[in-house]
PDB file of N, CA and C in Angstrom:
ATOM      1  N   MET A   1     117.651  96.458 102.875  1.00  0.00           N
ATOM      2  CA  MET A   1     118.435  97.252 101.024  1.00  0.00           C
ATOM      3  C   MET A   1     117.479  98.458 100.598  1.00  0.00           C
ATOM      4  N   ILE A   2     117.836  99.569 100.322  1.00  0.00           N
ATOM      5  CA  ILE A   2     117.373 100.003  99.495  1.00  0.00           C
ATOM      6  C   ILE A   2     117.812 100.549  98.105  1.00  0.00           C
ATOM      7  N   TYR A   3     116.880 100.948  97.347  1.00  0.00           N
ATOM      8  CA  TYR A   3     117.531 100.884  95.841  1.00  0.00           C
ATOM      9  C   TYR A   3     116.644 102.490  95.360  1.00  0.00           C
ATOM     10  N   ILE A   4     117.328 102.696  94.001  1.00  0.00           N
ATOM     11  CA  ILE A   4     116.965 103.972  93.087  1.00  0.00           C
ATOM     12  C   ILE A   4     116.364 103.031  92.064  1.00  0.00           C
ATOM     13  N   SER A   5     115.233 103.447  91.413  1.00  0.00           N
ATOM     14  CA  SER A   5     114.545 102.360  90.096  1.00  0.00           C
ATOM     15  C   SER A   5     115.151 103.541  89.255  1.00  0.00           C
ATOM     16  N   PRO A   6     115.271 103.102  87.566  1.00  0.00           N
ATOM     17  CA  PRO A   6     115.286 103.503  86.456  1.00  0.00           C
ATOM     18  C   PRO A   6     114.842 104.454  86.199  1.00  0.00           C
ATOM     19  N   GLU A   7     113.551 105.061  86.987  1.00  0.00           N
ATOM     20  CA  GLU A   7     112.634 106.617  86.629  1.00  0.00           C
ATOM     21  C   GLU A   7     113.311 107.440  87.983  1.00  0.00           C
ATOM     22  N   ASN A   8     114.108 107.013  88.711  1.00  0.00           N
ATOM     23  CA  ASN A   8     114.940 107.896  89.934  1.00  0.00           C
ATOM     24  C   ASN A   8     113.931 107.914  90.945  1.00  0.00           C
ATOM     25  N   GLU A   9     112.839 107.070  91.250  1.00  0.00           N
ATOM     26  CA  GLU A   9     111.888 106.666  92.378  1.00  0.00           C
ATOM     27  C   GLU A   9     112.659 106.335  93.456  1.00  0.00           C
ATOM     28  N   TYR A  10     112.738 106.539  94.650  1.00  0.00           N
ATOM     29  CA  TYR A  10     113.597 106.860  95.693  1.00  0.00           C
ATOM     30  C   TYR A  10     112.473 106.787  96.902  1.00  0.00           C
ATOM     31  N   PRO A  11     112.599 106.200  98.155  1.00  0.00           N
ATOM     32  CA  PRO A  11     113.630 104.920  98.098  1.00  0.00           C
ATOM     33  C   PRO A  11     112.201 103.816  97.422  1.00  0.00           C
ATOM     34  N   ARG A  12     112.924 102.943  97.428  1.00  0.00           N
ATOM     35  CA  ARG A  12     112.377 101.601  96.660  1.00  0.00           C
ATOM     36  C   ARG A  12     112.819 100.306  97.413  1.00  0.00           C
ATOM     37  N   HIS A  13     112.003  99.375  97.538  1.00  0.00           N
ATOM     38  CA  HIS A  13     112.713  98.438  97.854  1.00  0.00           C
ATOM     39  C   HIS A  13     112.788  96.859  96.981  1.00  0.00           C
ATOM     40  N   ALA A  14     113.541  95.407  97.400  1.00  0.00           N
ATOM     41  CA  ALA A  14     113.423  94.489  96.715  1.00  0.00           C
ATOM     42  C   ALA A  14     112.199  94.235  95.977  1.00  0.00           C
ATOM     43  N   GLY A  15     110.744  94.614  96.830  1.00  0.00           N
ATOM     44  CA  GLY A  15     109.135  94.381  96.158  1.00  0.00           C
ATOM     45  C   GLY A  15     109.507  95.014  95.074  1.00  0.00           C
ATOM     46  N   ASP A  16     109.856  95.939  94.912  1.00  0.00           N
ATOM     47  CA  ASP A  16     109.189  96.926  93.705  1.00  0.00           C
ATOM     48  C   ASP A  16     110.378  96.556  92.809  1.00  0.00           C
ATOM     49  N   ILE A  17     111.461  96.236  93.100  1.00  0.00           N
ATOM     50  CA  ILE A  17     112.251  95.628  91.852  1.00  0.00           C
ATOM     51  C   ILE A  17     111.780  94.096  91.474  1.00  0.00           C
ATOM     52  N   GLN A  18     110.968  93.204  92.477  1.00  0.00           N
ATOM     53  CA  GLN A  18     110.042  91.962  91.857  1.00  0.00           C
ATOM     54  C   GLN A  18     109.167  92.058  91.070  1.00  0.00           C
ATOM     55  N   LEU A  19     108.475  93.616  91.000  1.00  0.00           N
ATOM     56  CA  LEU A  19     107.072  93.821  90.558  1.00  0.00           C
ATOM     57  C   LEU A  19     107.534  93.838  88.926  1.00  0.00           C
ATOM     58  N   VAL A  20     108.799  94.224  88.777  1.00  0.00           N
ATOM     59  CA  VAL A  20     109.177  94.662  87.290  1.00  0.00           C
ATOM     60  C   VAL A  20     110.190  93.510  86.920  1.00  0.00           C
ATOM     61  N   ALA A  21     111.003  93.023  87.759  1.00  0.00           N
ATOM     62  CA  ALA A  21     111.609  91.419  87.372  1.00  0.00           C
ATOM     63  C   ALA A  21     111.156  90.437  88.193  1.00  0.00           C
ATOM     64  N   PRO A  22     110.494  89.684  88.115  1.00  0.00           N
ATOM     65  CA  PRO A  22     109.730  88.645  89.301  1.00  0.00           C
ATOM     66  C   PRO A  22     110.863  87.899  89.755  1.00  0.00           C
ATOM     67  N   LYS A  23     111.497  87.244  88.331  1.00  0.00           N
ATOM     68  CA  LYS A  23     112.685  86.267  89.027  1.00  0.00           C
ATOM     69  C   LYS A  23     113.591  86.909  89.931  1.00  0.00           C
ATOM     70  N   TRP A  24     114.037  88.069  90.371  1.00  0.00           N
ATOM     71  CA  TRP A  24     115.174  88.957  90.989  1.00  0.00           C
ATOM     72  C   TRP A  24     115.258  88.462  92.393  1.00  0.00           C
ATOM     73  N   LYS A  25     116.345  88.557  92.746  1.00  0.00           N
ATOM     74  CA  LYS A  25     116.222  88.474  94.457  1.00  0.00           C
ATOM     75  C   LYS A  25     117.619  89.145  94.701  1.00  0.00           C
ATOM     76  N   ALA A  26     117.671  89.312  95.923  1.00  0.00           N
ATOM     77  CA  ALA A  26     118.752  90.186  96.679  1.00  0.00           C
ATOM     78  C   ALA A  26     119.684  89.457  96.244  1.00  0.00           C
ATOM     79  N   GLY A  27     120.805  89.804  95.888  1.00  0.00           N
ATOM     80  CA  GLY A  27     122.091  88.741  95.295  1.00  0.00           C
ATOM     81  C   GLY A  27     122.085  88.908  94.279  1.00  0.00           C
ATOM     82  N   ASP A  28     121.042  89.256  93.529  1.00  0.00           N
ATOM     83  CA  ASP A  28     121.384  88.850  92.166  1.00  0.00           C
ATOM     84  C   ASP A  28     122.241  90.150  91.383  1.00  0.00           C
ATOM     85  N   PRO A  29     122.356  90.067  90.096  1.00  0.00           N
ATOM     86  CA  PRO A  29     122.664  91.590  89.436  1.00  0.00           C
ATOM     87  C   PRO A  29     121.711  92.320  89.321  1.00  0.00           C
ATOM     88  N   MET A  30     121.601  93.409  89.825  1.00  0.00           N
ATOM     89  CA  MET A  30     120.638  94.448  89.452  1.00  0.00           C
ATOM     90  C   MET A  30     120.398  94.604  88.297  1.00  0.00           C
ATOM     91  N   PRO A  31     118.887  94.416  87.918  1.00  0.00           N
ATOM     92  CA  PRO A  31     118.206  95.104  86.775  1.00  0.00           C
ATOM     93  C   PRO A  31     118.575  96.257  85.999  1.00  0.00           C
ATOM     94  N   ASP A  32     118.800  95.930  85.173  1.00  0.00           N
ATOM     95  CA  ASP A  32     119.212  97.522  84.330  1.00  0.00           C
ATOM     96  C   ASP A  32     118.482  98.828  84.891  1.00  0.00           C
ATOM     97  N   GLY A  33     119.367  99.712  85.061  1.00  0.00           N
ATOM     98  CA  GLY A  33     118.975 100.781  85.455  1.00  0.00           C
ATOM     99  C   GLY A  33     118.400 101.011  87.194  1.00  0.00           C
ATOM    100  N   TRP A  34     118.347 100.215  87.854  1.00  0.00           N
ATOM    101  CA  TRP A  34     118.193 100.144  89.306  1.00  0.00           C
ATOM    102  C   TRP A  34     119.754 100.327  89.501  1.00  0.00           C
ATOM    103  N   VAL A  35     119.738 101.260  91.202  1.00  0.00           N
ATOM    104  CA  VAL A  35     120.925 101.390  91.502  1.00  0.00           C
ATOM    105  C   VAL A  35     120.253 100.819  93.300  1.00  0.00           C
ATOM    106  N   GLN A  36     121.263  99.643  93.405  1.00  0.00           N
ATOM    107  CA  GLN A  36     121.664  99.936  95.223  1.00  0.00           C
ATOM    108  C   GLN A  36     122.079 101.067  96.225  1.00  0.00           C
ATOM    109  N   VAL A  37     121.813 101.532  96.963  1.00  0.00           N
ATOM    110  CA  VAL A  37     122.011 102.387  97.809  1.00  0.00           C
ATOM    111  C   VAL A  37     122.498 102.314  99.130  1.00  0.00           C
ATOM    112  N   ALA A  38     123.877 102.394  99.541  1.00  0.00           N
ATOM    113  CA  ALA A  38     124.208 102.121 100.341  1.00  0.00           C
ATOM    114  C   ALA A  38     123.618 102.655 101.869  1.00  0.00           C
ATOM    115  N   GLU A  39     123.249 101.873 103.325  1.00  0.00           N
ATOM    116  CA  GLU A  39     122.505 102.521 103.940  1.00  0.00           C
ATOM    117  C   GLU A  39     123.702 103.379 104.965  1.00  0.00           C
ATOM    118  N   ALA A  40     122.982 104.523 105.309  1.00  0.00           N
ATOM    119  CA  ALA A  40     124.040 105.158 106.513  1.00  0.00           C
ATOM    120  C   ALA A  40     123.428 105.335 107.666  1.00  0.00           C
ATOM    121  N   GLU A  41     123.788 105.480 108.639  1.00  0.00           N
ATOM    122  CA  GLU A  41     123.683 105.660 109.997  1.00  0.00           C
ATOM    123  C   GLU A  41     122.982 107.101 110.156  1.00  0.00           C
ATOM    124  N   ARG A  42     121.622 107.010 110.872  1.00  0.00           N
ATOM    125  CA  ARG A  42     121.134 108.632 111.069  1.00  0.00           C
ATOM    126  C   ARG A  42     121.865 109.205 111.900  1.00  0.00           C
ATOM    127  N   PRO A  43     121.990 110.033 111.930  1.00  0.00           N
ATOM    128  CA  PRO A  43     123.302 111.110 112.842  1.00  0.00           C
ATOM    129  C   PRO A  43     122.117 111.633 113.968  1.00  0.00           C
ATOM    130  N   THR A  44     122.888 111.699 115.022  1.00  0.00           N
ATOM    131  CA  THR A  44     122.541 112.401 116.298  1.00  0.00           C
ATOM    132  C   THR A  44     122.284 113.868 116.057  1.00  0.00           C
ATOM    133  N   THR A  45     120.779 114.106 116.610  1.00  0.00           N
ATOM    134  CA  THR A  45     120.856 115.458 116.450  1.00  0.00           C
ATOM    135  C   THR A  45     120.347 116.277 117.610  1.00  0.00           C
ATOM    136  N   GLY A  46     120.647 117.424 117.829  1.00  0.00           N
ATOM    137  CA  GLY A  46     120.351 118.248 118.994  1.00  0.00           C
ATOM    138  C   GLY A  46     119.116 118.419 119.314  1.00  0.00           C
ATOM    139  N   ALA A  47     118.408 118.943 120.425  1.00  0.00           N
ATOM    140  CA  ALA A  47     117.145 118.871 121.094  1.00  0.00           C
ATOM    141  C   ALA A  47     116.419 119.873 120.332  1.00  0.00           C
ATOM    142  N   ASP A  48     116.749 120.694 119.499  1.00  0.00           N
ATOM    143  CA  ASP A  48     116.112 121.443 118.749  1.00  0.00           C
ATOM    144  C   ASP A  48     116.394 121.161 117.064  1.00  0.00           C
ATOM    145  N   GLU A  49     116.497 119.709 116.708  1.00  0.00           N
ATOM    146  CA  GLU A  49     117.150 119.894 115.624  1.00  0.00           C
ATOM    147  C   GLU A  49     116.071 118.338 115.058  1.00  0.00           C
ATOM    148  N   LEU A  50     116.007 118.140 114.191  1.00  0.00           N
ATOM    149  CA  LEU A  50     115.496 117.038 113.242  1.00  0.00           C
ATOM    150  C   LEU A  50     116.294 116.816 111.957  1.00  0.00           C
ATOM    151  N   ALA A  51     116.492 115.450 111.918  1.00  0.00           N
ATOM    152  CA  ALA A  51     116.801 114.555 110.895  1.00  0.00           C
ATOM    153  C   ALA A  51     116.127 113.888 110.101  1.00  0.00           C
ATOM    154  N   TYR A  52     116.208 113.962 108.657  1.00  0.00           N
ATOM    155  CA  TYR A  52     115.189 113.163 107.803  1.00  0.00           C
ATOM    156  C   TYR A  52     116.218 113.025 106.493  1.00  0.00           C
ATOM    157  N   GLU A  53     115.838 112.275 106.087  1.00  0.00           N
ATOM    158  CA  GLU A  53     116.417 111.223 104.813  1.00  0.00           C
ATOM    159  C   GLU A  53     116.325 112.122 103.283  1.00  0.00           C
ATOM    160  N   GLY A  54     117.397 112.603 102.757  1.00  0.00           N
ATOM    161  CA  GLY A  54     117.403 113.250 101.588  1.00  0.00           C
ATOM    162  C   GLY A  54     117.348 112.476 100.466  1.00  0.00           C
ATOM    163  N   GLU A  55     117.597 113.229  99.737  1.00  0.00           N
ATOM    164  CA  GLU A  55     118.374 112.213  98.257  1.00  0.00           C
ATOM    165  C   GLU A  55     119.128 111.539  98.176  1.00  0.00           C
ATOM    166  N   PRO A  56     119.587 110.520  97.658  1.00  0.00           N
ATOM    167  CA  PRO A  56     121.192 109.829  98.204  1.00  0.00           C
ATOM    168  C   PRO A  56     122.350 110.707  97.447  1.00  0.00           C
ATOM    169  N   VAL A  57     123.424 110.464  97.850  1.00  0.00           N
ATOM    170  CA  VAL A  57     124.647 111.227  97.117  1.00  0.00           C
ATOM    171  C   VAL A  57     126.035 110.012  96.938  1.00  0.00           C
ATOM    172  N   GLU A  58     126.415 110.626  95.782  1.00  0.00           N
ATOM    173  CA  GLU A  58     127.650 109.483  95.353  1.00  0.00           C
ATOM    174  C   GLU A  58     128.657 109.911  96.746  1.00  0.00           C
ATOM    175  N   VAL A  59     129.304 108.589  97.209  1.00  0.00           N
ATOM    176  CA  VAL A  59     130.384 109.073  98.141  1.00  0.00           C
ATOM    177  C   VAL A  59     130.985 107.615  97.346  1.00  0.00           C
ATOM    178  N   LYS A  60     132.865 108.309  96.951  1.00  0.00           N
ATOM    179  CA  LYS A  60     133.904 107.603  96.791  1.00  0.00           C
ATOM    180  C   LYS A  60     132.795 106.453  95.276  1.00  0.00           C
ATOM    181  N   GLY A  61     132.032 106.755  94.810  1.00  0.00           N
ATOM    182  CA  GLY A  61     131.447 106.144  93.722  1.00  0.00           C
ATOM    183  C   GLY A  61     130.258 105.482  93.598  1.00  0.00           C
ATOM    184  N   VAL A  62     129.898 105.109  94.982  1.00  0.00           N
ATOM    185  CA  VAL A  62     128.895 104.364  95.586  1.00  0.00           C
ATOM    186  C   VAL A  62     127.751 105.165  96.080  1.00  0.00           C
ATOM    187  N   MET A  63     126.492 105.118  95.521  1.00  0.00           N
ATOM    188  CA  MET A  63     125.215 105.952  95.666  1.00  0.00           C
ATOM    189  C   MET A  63     125.189 105.719  97.582  1.00  0.00           C
ATOM    190  N   THR A  64     124.690 106.254  98.164  1.00  0.00           N
ATOM    191  CA  THR A  64     124.589 106.562  99.701  1.00  0.00           C
ATOM    192  C   THR A  64     123.625 106.947 100.248  1.00  0.00           C
ATOM    193  N   GLN A  65     122.813 106.639 101.390  1.00  0.00           N
ATOM    194  CA  GLN A  65     121.615 107.358 101.640  1.00  0.00           C
ATOM    195  C   GLN A  65     122.132 108.996 102.465  1.00  0.00           C
ATOM    196  N   ASN A  66     121.743 109.686 102.203  1.00  0.00           N
ATOM    197  CA  ASN A  66     121.681 110.908 102.633  1.00  0.00           C
ATOM    198  C   ASN A  66     120.720 111.830 103.802  1.00  0.00           C
ATOM    199  N   TRP A  67     121.386 111.767 104.743  1.00  0.00           N
ATOM    200  CA  TRP A  67     120.460 112.326 106.014  1.00  0.00           C
ATOM    201  C   TRP A  67     120.682 113.626 106.330  1.00  0.00           C
ATOM    202  N   VAL A  68     119.571 114.840 106.050  1.00  0.00           N
ATOM    203  CA  VAL A  68     119.616 116.090 106.639  1.00  0.00           C
ATOM    204  C   VAL A  68     119.415 116.587 107.688  1.00  0.00           C
ATOM    205  N   ILE A  69     120.233 117.585 108.385  1.00  0.00           N
ATOM    206  CA  ILE A  69     119.467 117.743 109.702  1.00  0.00           C
ATOM    207  C   ILE A  69     118.881 119.487 109.734  1.00  0.00           C
ATOM    208  N   ARG A  70     118.058 119.662 110.230  1.00  0.00           N
ATOM    209  CA  ARG A  70     117.388 121.309 110.661  1.00  0.00           C
ATOM    210  C   ARG A  70     116.955 121.771 111.472  1.00  0.00           C
ATOM    211  N   ASP A  71     116.684 122.366 111.897  1.00  0.00           N
ATOM    212  CA  ASP A  71     116.538 123.517 113.292  1.00  0.00           C
ATOM    213  C   ASP A  71     115.082 123.107 113.205  1.00  0.00           C
ATOM    214  N   LEU A  72     114.180 122.595 114.310  1.00  0.00           N
ATOM    215  CA  LEU A  72     112.799 122.519 114.378  1.00  0.00           C
ATOM    216  C   LEU A  72     111.821 124.053 113.889  1.00  0.00           C
ATOM    217  N   THR A  73     111.013 123.961 112.826  1.00  0.00           N
ATOM    218  CA  THR A  73     110.340 125.418 112.971  1.00  0.00           C
ATOM    219  C   THR A  73     109.808 125.642 114.456  1.00  0.00           C
ATOM    220  N   ALA A  74     110.085 127.413 114.527  1.00  0.00           N
ATOM    221  CA  ALA A  74     108.749 127.794 115.723  1.00  0.00           C
ATOM    222  C   ALA A  74     107.465 126.810 115.700  1.00  0.00           C
ATOM    223  N   GLU A  75     106.943 126.231 115.025  1.00  0.00           N
ATOM    224  CA  GLU A  75     105.556 125.838 114.872  1.00  0.00           C
ATOM    225  C   GLU A  75     105.899 124.417 115.608  1.00  0.00           C
ATOM    226  N   GLU A  76     107.092 123.628 115.389  1.00  0.00           N
ATOM    227  CA  GLU A  76     107.301 122.558 115.699  1.00  0.00           C
ATOM    228  C   GLU A  76     107.729 122.599 117.417  1.00  0.00           C
ATOM    229  N   LEU A  77     108.147 123.497 117.461  1.00  0.00           N
ATOM    230  CA  LEU A  77     108.879 124.159 118.991  1.00  0.00           C
ATOM    231  C   LEU A  77     107.557 124.251 119.872  1.00  0.00           C
ATOM    232  N   ASP A  78     106.476 125.049 119.394  1.00  0.00           N
ATOM    233  CA  ASP A  78     105.484 124.851 120.451  1.00  0.00           C
ATOM    234  C   ASP A  78     104.335 123.799 120.456  1.00  0.00           C
ATOM    235  N   ARG A  79     104.755 123.241 119.527  1.00  0.00           N
ATOM    236  CA  ARG A  79     104.058 121.897 119.749  1.00  0.00           C
ATOM    237  C   ARG A  79     104.472 120.612 120.193  1.00  0.00           C
ATOM    238  N   ARG A  80     105.654 120.848 120.031  1.00  0.00           N
ATOM    239  CA  ARG A  80     106.331 120.096 121.481  1.00  0.00           C
ATOM    240  C   ARG A  80     106.689 120.588 122.389  1.00  0.00           C
ATOM    241  N   ASP A  81     105.993 121.453 122.770  1.00  0.00           N
ATOM    242  CA  ASP A  81     107.093 122.463 124.022  1.00  0.00           C
ATOM    243  C   ASP A  81     104.944 122.486 124.817  1.00  0.00           C
ATOM    244  N   ALA A  82     104.059 122.500 123.861  1.00  0.00           N
ATOM    245  CA  ALA A  82     102.762 122.105 124.475  1.00  0.00           C
ATOM    246  C   ALA A  82     102.188 122.160 125.634  1.00  0.00           C
ATOM    247  N   PRO A  83     102.549 120.964 126.014  1.00  0.00           N
ATOM    248  CA  PRO A  83     102.520 120.366 127.475  1.00  0.00           C
ATOM    249  C   PRO A  83     102.762 121.207 128.979  1.00  0.00           C
ATOM    250  N   VAL A  84     104.208 121.160 128.446  1.00  0.00           N
ATOM    251  CA  VAL A  84     104.796 122.435 129.708  1.00  0.00           C
ATOM    252  C   VAL A  84     104.237 123.574 129.784  1.00  0.00           C
ATOM    253  N   ASN A  85     104.250 124.357 128.628  1.00  0.00           N
ATOM    254  CA  ASN A  85     103.603 125.753 128.722  1.00  0.00           C
ATOM    255  C   ASN A  85     101.997 125.537 129.175  1.00  0.00           C
ATOM    256  N   ALA A  86     101.435 124.927 128.682  1.00  0.00           N
ATOM    257  CA  ALA A  86     100.052 124.683 129.300  1.00  0.00           C
ATOM    258  C   ALA A  86     100.289 124.444 130.700  1.00  0.00           C
ATOM    259  N   LYS A  87     100.976 123.573 131.116  1.00  0.00           N
ATOM    260  CA  LYS A  87     100.985 123.292 133.035  1.00  0.00           C
ATOM    261  C   LYS A  87     101.572 124.893 133.487  1.00  0.00           C
ATOM    262  N   ALA A  88     102.230 125.128 132.976  1.00  0.00           N
ATOM    263  CA  ALA A  88     103.118 126.587 133.586  1.00  0.00           C
ATOM    264  C   ALA A  88     101.328 127.514 133.704  1.00  0.00           C
ATOM    265  N   LYS A  89     100.829 127.796 132.537  1.00  0.00           N
ATOM    266  CA  LYS A  89      99.940 128.679 132.446  1.00  0.00           C
ATOM    267  C   LYS A  89      98.788 128.141 133.655  1.00  0.00           C
ATOM    268  N   LEU A  90      98.449 127.154 133.358  1.00  0.00           N
ATOM    269  CA  LEU A  90      97.433 126.708 134.782  1.00  0.00           C
ATOM    270  C   LEU A  90      98.197 127.049 135.846  1.00  0.00           C
ATOM    271  N   ILE A  91      98.997 127.083 136.286  1.00  0.00           N
ATOM    272  CA  ILE A  91      99.203 126.940 137.557  1.00  0.00           C
ATOM    273  C   ILE A  91      99.676 128.639 138.217  1.00  0.00           C
ATOM    274  N   ALA A  92      99.750 129.117 136.667  1.00  0.00           N
ATOM    275  CA  ALA A  92      99.855 130.491 137.260  1.00  0.00           C
ATOM    276  C   ALA A  92      98.316 131.164 137.118  1.00  0.00           C
ATOM    277  N   LEU A  93      97.877 130.693 136.609  1.00  0.00           N
ATOM    278  CA  LEU A  93      96.152 130.945 136.578  1.00  0.00           C
ATOM    279  C   LEU A  93      95.735 130.538 138.556  1.00  0.00           C
ATOM    280  N   GLY A  94      96.774 129.825 139.035  1.00  0.00           N
ATOM    281  CA  GLY A  94      96.499 129.509 140.602  1.00  0.00           C
ATOM    282  C   GLY A  94      96.106 128.300 140.963  1.00  0.00           C
ATOM    283  N   LEU A  95      96.228 127.479 139.896  1.00  0.00           N
ATOM    284  CA  LEU A  95      96.041 126.225 140.170  1.00  0.00           C
ATOM    285  C   LEU A  95      96.638 125.401 140.522  1.00  0.00           C
ATOM    286  N   THR A  96      96.984 123.969 141.197  1.00  0.00           N
ATOM    287  CA  THR A  96      97.839 123.795 142.273  1.00  0.00           C
ATOM    288  C   THR A  96      98.483 122.607 140.816  1.00  0.00           C
ATOM    289  N   GLU A  97      99.807 122.062 141.250  1.00  0.00           N
ATOM    290  CA  GLU A  97     100.042 120.906 140.492  1.00  0.00           C
ATOM    291  C   GLU A  97      99.347 119.610 140.380  1.00  0.00           C
ATOM    292  N   ALA A  98      98.762 119.470 141.940  1.00  0.00           N
ATOM    293  CA  ALA A  98      97.747 117.831 141.922  1.00  0.00           C
ATOM    294  C   ALA A  98      96.415 118.538 141.129  1.00  0.00           C
ATOM    295  N   GLU A  99      96.234 119.642 141.001  1.00  0.00           N
ATOM    296  CA  GLU A  99      94.945 120.036 140.200  1.00  0.00           C
ATOM    297  C   GLU A  99      95.306 119.725 138.662  1.00  0.00           C
ATOM    298  N   VAL A 100      96.584 120.129 138.471  1.00  0.00           N
ATOM    299  CA  VAL A 100      96.423 119.930 136.909  1.00  0.00           C
ATOM    300  C   VAL A 100      96.903 118.655 136.256  1.00  0.00           C
ATOM    301  N   ASP A 101      97.724 118.033 137.479  1.00  0.00           N
ATOM    302  CA  ASP A 101      97.544 116.175 136.799  1.00  0.00           C
ATOM    303  C   ASP A 101      96.525 115.374 137.028  1.00  0.00           C
ATOM    304  N   ALA A 102      95.461 115.895 138.216  1.00  0.00           N
ATOM    305  CA  ALA A 102      94.197 115.824 138.016  1.00  0.00           C
ATOM    306  C   ALA A 102      93.426 115.924 136.427  1.00  0.00           C
ATOM    307  N   LEU A 103      93.495 117.311 135.845  1.00  0.00           N
ATOM    308  CA  LEU A 103      92.489 117.439 134.727  1.00  0.00           C
ATOM    309  C   LEU A 103      93.121 116.515 133.364  1.00  0.00           C
ATOM    310  N   VAL A 104      94.869 116.639 133.468  1.00  0.00           N
ATOM    311  CA  VAL A 104      95.411 115.694 132.925  1.00  0.00           C
ATOM    312  C   VAL A 104      94.686 114.171 132.309  1.00  0.00           C
ATOM    313  N   GLN A 105      94.782 113.967 133.836  1.00  0.00           N
ATOM    314  CA  GLN A 105      94.323 112.423 133.905  1.00  0.00           C
ATOM    315  C   GLN A 105      92.874 112.277 133.729  1.00  0.00           C
ATOM    316  N   GLY A 106      91.995 113.137 133.855  1.00  0.00           N
ATOM    317  CA  GLY A 106      90.889 112.854 133.432  1.00  0.00           C
ATOM    318  C   GLY A 106      90.588 113.211 132.448  1.00  0.00           C
ATOM    319  N   LEU A 107      91.685 113.964 131.150  1.00  0.00           N
ATOM    320  CA  LEU A 107      91.376 114.212 129.640  1.00  0.00           C
ATOM    321  C   LEU A 107      91.660 112.813 128.929  1.00  0.00           C
ATOM    322  N   VAL A 108      92.856 111.768 129.564  1.00  0.00           N
ATOM    323  CA  VAL A 108      93.160 110.464 129.292  1.00  0.00           C
ATOM    324  C   VAL A 108      92.018 109.822 129.236  1.00  0.00           C
ATOM    325  N   ARG A 109      91.372 109.674 130.300  1.00  0.00           N
ATOM    326  CA  ARG A 109      90.566 108.324 130.481  1.00  0.00           C
ATOM    327  C   ARG A 109      89.228 108.380 129.259  1.00  0.00           C
TER     328      ARG A 109
END
């Protein structure tokens, strides 16, 4: 379960509520100003996209978790593709795949 505090801090959890209302437990009425947020399934993204949690939105009178999808930045794509690109560059320089794999294994040890 996730919540919004009276100060609009999000996300908050049961322990955050219990810090200000020690006797409160899940299922009890919400303390003044606290709002429970309905969880929503994380959306599926494309290969070059990223999903992240945005601010909750009201859906049919219920505060609901909100997922935002965005395209990966050029920097994120470069970082993701770096291993494949590095291997291609080493092979273009004349190394064999076995030699490139040996280099990678040597770096991991």
